[in-house]
């Protein structure tokens, strides 16, 4: 089960993959495939720490940071407005395992960026 900071990291990384204009370098793709294996084997802490390191890659760095800032801002607004919308208080949140399953599928693909673009609508 992923906690909130882990979910933010995962969503930001997936968003950065969606925003890529060119294919990932082969070595980076292999590292992302390894992270997919770690997540599939429930090694969440190791996988998320590795994602943070991979996000420093030049082709992902800016998109990842922008996505992370946007996602963190959304979380803060949701927390502040939690009781402003009584009709939505009983809405179940998106289960953390949902994003985890999507991430595994994307990270284990041979072209993670292309797979992320295909599954973009499923990324919360």
C-alpha atoms as a PDB file:
ATOM      1  CA  UNK A   1       0.000   0.000   0.000  1.00  0.00           C
ATOM      2  CA  UNK A   2       1.349   3.394  -0.976  1.00  0.00           C
ATOM      3  CA  UNK A   3       1.285   6.378   1.356  1.00  0.00           C
ATOM      4  CA  UNK A   4       0.521   9.923   0.183  1.00  0.00           C
ATOM      5  CA  UNK A   5       4.129  11.052  -0.523  1.00  0.00           C
ATOM      6  CA  UNK A   6       4.752   7.841  -2.474  1.00  0.00           C
ATOM      7  CA  UNK A   7       1.571   8.394  -4.484  1.00  0.00           C
ATOM      8  CA  UNK A   8       2.676  11.957  -5.294  1.00  0.00           C
ATOM      9  CA  UNK A   9       6.072  10.687  -6.479  1.00  0.00           C
ATOM     10  CA  UNK A  10       4.466   8.006  -8.623  1.00  0.00           C
ATOM     11  CA  UNK A  11       1.908  10.364 -10.177  1.00  0.00           C
ATOM     12  CA  UNK A  12       4.573  12.987 -10.901  1.00  0.00           C
ATOM     13  CA  UNK A  13       6.840  10.444 -12.569  1.00  0.00           C
ATOM     14  CA  UNK A  14       3.990   9.038 -14.660  1.00  0.00           C
ATOM     15  CA  UNK A  15       2.999  12.561 -15.684  1.00  0.00           C
ATOM     16  CA  UNK A  16       6.597  13.285 -16.716  1.00  0.00           C
ATOM     17  CA  UNK A  17       6.565  10.148 -18.886  1.00  0.00           C
ATOM     18  CA  UNK A  18       3.332  11.270 -20.552  1.00  0.00           C
ATOM     19  CA  UNK A  19       4.859  14.663 -21.359  1.00  0.00           C
ATOM     20  CA  UNK A  20       7.997  13.282 -23.036  1.00  0.00           C
ATOM     21  CA  UNK A  21       8.366  14.211 -26.696  1.00  0.00           C
ATOM     22  CA  UNK A  22      11.068  11.700 -27.537  1.00  0.00           C
ATOM     23  CA  UNK A  23      11.735   8.071 -26.597  1.00  0.00           C
ATOM     24  CA  UNK A  24      13.597   7.352 -23.388  1.00  0.00           C
ATOM     25  CA  UNK A  25      17.297   6.517 -23.583  1.00  0.00           C
ATOM     26  CA  UNK A  26      17.765   2.732 -23.514  1.00  0.00           C
ATOM     27  CA  UNK A  27      19.601   2.699 -20.173  1.00  0.00           C
ATOM     28  CA  UNK A  28      16.897   4.822 -18.530  1.00  0.00           C
ATOM     29  CA  UNK A  29      14.161   2.580 -19.966  1.00  0.00           C
ATOM     30  CA  UNK A  30      15.911  -0.461 -18.485  1.00  0.00           C
ATOM     31  CA  UNK A  31      16.108   1.244 -15.083  1.00  0.00           C
ATOM     32  CA  UNK A  32      12.390   2.062 -15.274  1.00  0.00           C
ATOM     33  CA  UNK A  33      11.694  -1.585 -16.142  1.00  0.00           C
ATOM     34  CA  UNK A  34      13.628  -2.563 -13.005  1.00  0.00           C
ATOM     35  CA  UNK A  35      11.472  -0.194 -10.943  1.00  0.00           C
ATOM     36  CA  UNK A  36       8.389  -1.886 -12.413  1.00  0.00           C
ATOM     37  CA  UNK A  37       9.723  -5.237 -11.200  1.00  0.00           C
ATOM     38  CA  UNK A  38      10.369  -3.789  -7.731  1.00  0.00           C
ATOM     39  CA  UNK A  39       6.797  -2.461  -7.531  1.00  0.00           C
ATOM     40  CA  UNK A  40       5.405  -5.779  -8.759  1.00  0.00           C
ATOM     41  CA  UNK A  41       7.345  -7.494  -5.954  1.00  0.00           C
ATOM     42  CA  UNK A  42       6.030  -5.014  -3.349  1.00  0.00           C
ATOM     43  CA  UNK A  43       9.407  -3.339  -2.828  1.00  0.00           C
ATOM     44  CA  UNK A  44       7.695   0.051  -2.764  1.00  0.00           C
ATOM     45  CA  UNK A  45      10.260   1.988  -0.717  1.00  0.00           C
ATOM     46  CA  UNK A  46      13.188   0.899  -2.896  1.00  0.00           C
ATOM     47  CA  UNK A  47      11.195   1.485  -6.084  1.00  0.00           C
ATOM     48  CA  UNK A  48      10.066   4.981  -5.111  1.00  0.00           C
ATOM     49  CA  UNK A  49      13.561   5.991  -3.979  1.00  0.00           C
ATOM     50  CA  UNK A  50      14.902   4.799  -7.321  1.00  0.00           C
ATOM     51  CA  UNK A  51      12.206   6.775  -9.186  1.00  0.00           C
ATOM     52  CA  UNK A  52      13.284   9.950  -7.414  1.00  0.00           C
ATOM     53  CA  UNK A  53      16.859   9.290  -8.569  1.00  0.00           C
ATOM     54  CA  UNK A  54      15.719   8.565 -12.152  1.00  0.00           C
ATOM     55  CA  UNK A  55      13.659  11.760 -12.197  1.00  0.00           C
ATOM     56  CA  UNK A  56      16.945  13.687 -12.080  1.00  0.00           C
ATOM     57  CA  UNK A  57      17.666  12.521 -15.631  1.00  0.00           C
ATOM     58  CA  UNK A  58      17.803  15.487 -18.015  1.00  0.00           C
ATOM     59  CA  UNK A  59      14.908  14.292 -20.163  1.00  0.00           C
ATOM     60  CA  UNK A  60      12.559  13.962 -17.150  1.00  0.00           C
ATOM     61  CA  UNK A  61      13.811  16.505 -14.627  1.00  0.00           C
ATOM     62  CA  UNK A  62      11.777  19.587 -15.557  1.00  0.00           C
ATOM     63  CA  UNK A  63       8.509  17.744 -16.305  1.00  0.00           C
ATOM     64  CA  UNK A  64       8.812  15.730 -13.090  1.00  0.00           C
ATOM     65  CA  UNK A  65       9.396  18.800 -10.917  1.00  0.00           C
ATOM     66  CA  UNK A  66       6.514  20.732 -12.506  1.00  0.00           C
ATOM     67  CA  UNK A  67       4.171  17.764 -12.157  1.00  0.00           C
ATOM     68  CA  UNK A  68       5.185  17.245  -8.534  1.00  0.00           C
ATOM     69  CA  UNK A  69       4.530  20.901  -7.663  1.00  0.00           C
ATOM     70  CA  UNK A  70       1.115  20.765  -9.357  1.00  0.00           C
ATOM     71  CA  UNK A  71       0.128  17.523  -7.623  1.00  0.00           C
ATOM     72  CA  UNK A  72       1.246  18.754  -4.196  1.00  0.00           C
ATOM     73  CA  UNK A  73      -0.764  21.948  -4.721  1.00  0.00           C
ATOM     74  CA  UNK A  74      -3.835  19.833  -5.569  1.00  0.00           C
ATOM     75  CA  UNK A  75      -3.425  17.780  -2.389  1.00  0.00           C
ATOM     76  CA  UNK A  76      -3.174  20.915  -0.255  1.00  0.00           C
ATOM     77  CA  UNK A  77      -6.296  22.399  -1.858  1.00  0.00           C
ATOM     78  CA  UNK A  78      -8.206  19.160  -1.330  1.00  0.00           C
ATOM     79  CA  UNK A  79      -7.250  19.117   2.333  1.00  0.00           C
ATOM     80  CA  UNK A  80      -8.255  22.754   2.794  1.00  0.00           C
ATOM     81  CA  UNK A  81     -11.573  22.285   0.978  1.00  0.00           C
ATOM     82  CA  UNK A  82     -12.378  18.926   2.515  1.00  0.00           C
ATOM     83  CA  UNK A  83     -15.542  20.147   4.206  1.00  0.00           C
ATOM     84  CA  UNK A  84     -16.564  22.757   1.638  1.00  0.00           C
ATOM     85  CA  UNK A  85     -18.301  20.160  -0.511  1.00  0.00           C
ATOM     86  CA  UNK A  86     -20.509  17.994   1.727  1.00  0.00           C
ATOM     87  CA  UNK A  87     -21.906  16.082  -1.255  1.00  0.00           C
ATOM     88  CA  UNK A  88     -18.407  14.809  -2.050  1.00  0.00           C
ATOM     89  CA  UNK A  89     -17.400  13.839   1.480  1.00  0.00           C
ATOM     90  CA  UNK A  90     -18.685  10.309   1.038  1.00  0.00           C
ATOM     91  CA  UNK A  91     -16.909   9.801  -2.278  1.00  0.00           C
ATOM     92  CA  UNK A  92     -14.256   7.126  -1.931  1.00  0.00           C
ATOM     93  CA  UNK A  93     -10.743   8.321  -2.796  1.00  0.00           C
ATOM     94  CA  UNK A  94      -8.902   6.638  -5.643  1.00  0.00           C
ATOM     95  CA  UNK A  95      -7.349   3.549  -4.077  1.00  0.00           C
ATOM     96  CA  UNK A  96      -3.537   3.746  -3.913  1.00  0.00           C
ATOM     97  CA  UNK A  97      -3.270   0.267  -5.425  1.00  0.00           C
ATOM     98  CA  UNK A  98      -4.977   1.604  -8.587  1.00  0.00           C
ATOM     99  CA  UNK A  99      -2.096   3.934  -9.404  1.00  0.00           C
ATOM    100  CA  UNK A 100       0.359   1.235  -8.354  1.00  0.00           C
ATOM    101  CA  UNK A 101      -1.123  -1.235 -10.854  1.00  0.00           C
ATOM    102  CA  UNK A 102      -1.080   1.344 -13.643  1.00  0.00           C
ATOM    103  CA  UNK A 103       2.533   2.239 -12.788  1.00  0.00           C
ATOM    104  CA  UNK A 104       3.612  -1.402 -12.923  1.00  0.00           C
ATOM    105  CA  UNK A 105       2.070  -1.800 -16.389  1.00  0.00           C
ATOM    106  CA  UNK A 106       3.733   1.395 -17.629  1.00  0.00           C
ATOM    107  CA  UNK A 107       7.138   0.738 -16.069  1.00  0.00           C
ATOM    108  CA  UNK A 108       7.320  -2.838 -17.367  1.00  0.00           C
ATOM    109  CA  UNK A 109       6.488  -1.825 -20.950  1.00  0.00           C
ATOM    110  CA  UNK A 110       9.234  -1.788 -23.567  1.00  0.00           C
ATOM    111  CA  UNK A 111       8.433   1.893 -24.197  1.00  0.00           C
ATOM    112  CA  UNK A 112       7.201   3.379 -20.914  1.00  0.00           C
ATOM    113  CA  UNK A 113       6.554   6.814 -22.380  1.00  0.00           C
ATOM    114  CA  UNK A 114       4.308   5.447 -25.156  1.00  0.00           C
ATOM    115  CA  UNK A 115       2.473   3.203 -22.672  1.00  0.00           C
ATOM    116  CA  UNK A 116       1.966   6.165 -20.300  1.00  0.00           C
ATOM    117  CA  UNK A 117       0.474   8.185 -23.163  1.00  0.00           C
ATOM    118  CA  UNK A 118      -1.941   5.311 -23.936  1.00  0.00           C
ATOM    119  CA  UNK A 119      -2.999   5.050 -20.269  1.00  0.00           C
ATOM    120  CA  UNK A 120      -3.019   8.808 -19.626  1.00  0.00           C
ATOM    121  CA  UNK A 121      -6.758   8.852 -18.878  1.00  0.00           C
ATOM    122  CA  UNK A 122      -6.284   6.159 -16.206  1.00  0.00           C
ATOM    123  CA  UNK A 123      -3.596   8.099 -14.315  1.00  0.00           C
ATOM    124  CA  UNK A 124      -5.401   9.895 -11.473  1.00  0.00           C
END
